Amino acid sequence: MSLADTDVAAALLLARAADELAALALALDPAAVLPVVISGSVGRQLQPRLPAGLLARCVAAAGDATQGAKLLLRESTAAVRP
């Protein structure tokens, strides 16, 4: 049980956050074809409140933030090498 189950203000706040997240996902991917990773404790609270279409695109993270940073660094330095 979470606070949102008993507190109307908390439930409304999470519903609005889920709506904003859905709007952000649509703005970044208007065709709605890319996978989406929603992580962390707030993400776990928002996922059940997401629209079905966005929820269907949710996937598990392929790694952690450090692994992602290393990948971006490798890709950016590979682009400038001859």
C-alpha atoms as a PDB file:
ATOM      1  CA  MET A   1       0.000   0.000   0.000  1.00  0.00           C
ATOM      2  CA  SER A   2       1.272   3.464  -0.854  1.00  0.00           C
ATOM      3  CA  LEU A   3       0.294   6.901   0.386  1.00  0.00           C
ATOM      4  CA  ALA A   4      -1.524   7.470  -2.913  1.00  0.00           C
ATOM      5  CA  ASP A   5      -3.967   4.720  -1.917  1.00  0.00           C
ATOM      6  CA  THR A   6      -5.238   6.787   1.007  1.00  0.00           C
ATOM      7  CA  ASP A   7      -4.279  10.382   0.206  1.00  0.00           C
ATOM      8  CA  VAL A   8      -6.238  12.088  -2.561  1.00  0.00           C
ATOM      9  CA  ALA A   9      -3.623  14.820  -3.021  1.00  0.00           C
ATOM     10  CA  ALA A  10      -0.845  12.241  -3.428  1.00  0.00           C
ATOM     11  CA  ALA A  11      -2.930  10.283  -5.940  1.00  0.00           C
ATOM     12  CA  LEU A  12      -3.612  13.430  -7.965  1.00  0.00           C
ATOM     13  CA  LEU A  13       0.065  14.385  -7.914  1.00  0.00           C
ATOM     14  CA  LEU A  14       1.097  10.958  -9.217  1.00  0.00           C
ATOM     15  CA  ALA A  15      -1.629  11.020 -11.873  1.00  0.00           C
ATOM     16  CA  ARG A  16      -0.422  14.419 -13.090  1.00  0.00           C
ATOM     17  CA  ALA A  17       3.200  13.252 -13.097  1.00  0.00           C
ATOM     18  CA  ALA A  18       2.207  10.204 -15.163  1.00  0.00           C
ATOM     19  CA  ASP A  19       0.369  12.465 -17.623  1.00  0.00           C
ATOM     20  CA  GLU A  20       3.426  14.719 -17.923  1.00  0.00           C
ATOM     21  CA  LEU A  21       5.701  11.736 -18.456  1.00  0.00           C
ATOM     22  CA  ALA A  22       3.394  10.459 -21.204  1.00  0.00           C
ATOM     23  CA  ALA A  23       3.423  13.895 -22.853  1.00  0.00           C
ATOM     24  CA  LEU A  24       7.226  13.997 -22.677  1.00  0.00           C
ATOM     25  CA  ALA A  25       7.520  10.534 -24.236  1.00  0.00           C
ATOM     26  CA  LEU A  26       5.180  11.598 -27.052  1.00  0.00           C
ATOM     27  CA  ALA A  27       7.153  14.804 -27.663  1.00  0.00           C
ATOM     28  CA  LEU A  28      10.427  12.876 -27.889  1.00  0.00           C
ATOM     29  CA  ASP A  29       8.995  10.065 -30.023  1.00  0.00           C
ATOM     30  CA  PRO A  30       5.836  11.214 -31.871  1.00  0.00           C
ATOM     31  CA  ALA A  31       5.648   7.922 -33.778  1.00  0.00           C
ATOM     32  CA  ALA A  32       5.588   6.075 -30.431  1.00  0.00           C
ATOM     33  CA  VAL A  33       7.874   3.306 -31.654  1.00  0.00           C
ATOM     34  CA  LEU A  34      10.944   3.538 -29.414  1.00  0.00           C
ATOM     35  CA  PRO A  35      11.230   1.576 -26.182  1.00  0.00           C
ATOM     36  CA  VAL A  36      10.988   3.520 -22.929  1.00  0.00           C
ATOM     37  CA  VAL A  37      12.798   2.864 -19.646  1.00  0.00           C
ATOM     38  CA  ILE A  38      11.175   4.241 -16.510  1.00  0.00           C
ATOM     39  CA  SER A  39      13.254   3.490 -13.450  1.00  0.00           C
ATOM     40  CA  GLY A  40      13.641   4.318  -9.809  1.00  0.00           C
ATOM     41  CA  SER A  41      11.157   4.475  -6.989  1.00  0.00           C
ATOM     42  CA  VAL A  42       9.167   7.282  -8.583  1.00  0.00           C
ATOM     43  CA  GLY A  43       9.079   5.355 -11.853  1.00  0.00           C
ATOM     44  CA  ARG A  44       7.638   2.354 -10.027  1.00  0.00           C
ATOM     45  CA  GLN A  45       4.889   4.593  -8.655  1.00  0.00           C
ATOM     46  CA  LEU A  46       4.132   6.095 -12.073  1.00  0.00           C
ATOM     47  CA  GLN A  47       4.147   2.962 -14.227  1.00  0.00           C
ATOM     48  CA  PRO A  48       0.697   1.677 -13.235  1.00  0.00           C
ATOM     49  CA  ARG A  49      -0.740   5.117 -14.006  1.00  0.00           C
ATOM     50  CA  LEU A  50       0.671   5.375 -17.542  1.00  0.00           C
ATOM     51  CA  PRO A  51      -1.508   5.088 -20.637  1.00  0.00           C
ATOM     52  CA  ALA A  52      -1.643   1.519 -22.009  1.00  0.00           C
ATOM     53  CA  GLY A  53       0.238   2.424 -25.197  1.00  0.00           C
ATOM     54  CA  LEU A  54       3.190   3.867 -23.292  1.00  0.00           C
ATOM     55  CA  LEU A  55       3.148   1.089 -20.723  1.00  0.00           C
ATOM     56  CA  ALA A  56       3.401  -1.462 -23.542  1.00  0.00           C
ATOM     57  CA  ARG A  57       6.633   0.228 -24.719  1.00  0.00           C
ATOM     58  CA  CYS A  58       8.295   0.058 -21.279  1.00  0.00           C
ATOM     59  CA  VAL A  59      11.347  -2.186 -21.105  1.00  0.00           C
ATOM     60  CA  ALA A  60      13.920  -2.984 -18.457  1.00  0.00           C
ATOM     61  CA  ALA A  61      17.093  -0.916 -18.480  1.00  0.00           C
ATOM     62  CA  ALA A  62      19.969  -2.535 -20.379  1.00  0.00           C
ATOM     63  CA  GLY A  63      22.461  -1.249 -17.813  1.00  0.00           C
ATOM     64  CA  ASP A  64      23.017   1.388 -15.177  1.00  0.00           C
ATOM     65  CA  ALA A  65      23.849   5.083 -15.542  1.00  0.00           C
ATOM     66  CA  THR A  66      27.610   4.477 -15.454  1.00  0.00           C
ATOM     67  CA  GLN A  67      27.410   1.931 -18.254  1.00  0.00           C
ATOM     68  CA  GLY A  68      25.312   4.359 -20.292  1.00  0.00           C
ATOM     69  CA  ALA A  69      27.816   7.165 -19.757  1.00  0.00           C
ATOM     70  CA  LYS A  70      30.684   4.913 -20.873  1.00  0.00           C
ATOM     71  CA  LEU A  71      28.766   3.928 -23.993  1.00  0.00           C
ATOM     72  CA  LEU A  72      28.058   7.569 -24.882  1.00  0.00           C
ATOM     73  CA  LEU A  73      31.710   8.465 -24.324  1.00  0.00           C
ATOM     74  CA  ARG A  74      32.914   5.604 -26.553  1.00  0.00           C
ATOM     75  CA  GLU A  75      30.461   6.550 -29.279  1.00  0.00           C
ATOM     76  CA  SER A  76      31.368  10.239 -29.172  1.00  0.00           C
ATOM     77  CA  THR A  77      35.118   9.621 -29.279  1.00  0.00           C
ATOM     78  CA  ALA A  78      34.759   7.043 -32.071  1.00  0.00           C
ATOM     79  CA  ALA A  79      33.010   9.674 -34.187  1.00  0.00           C
ATOM     80  CA  VAL A  80      36.026  12.029 -34.063  1.00  0.00           C
ATOM     81  CA  ARG A  81      38.745   9.434 -34.653  1.00  0.00           C
ATOM     82  CA  PRO A  82      40.079   9.132 -38.219  1.00  0.00           C
END
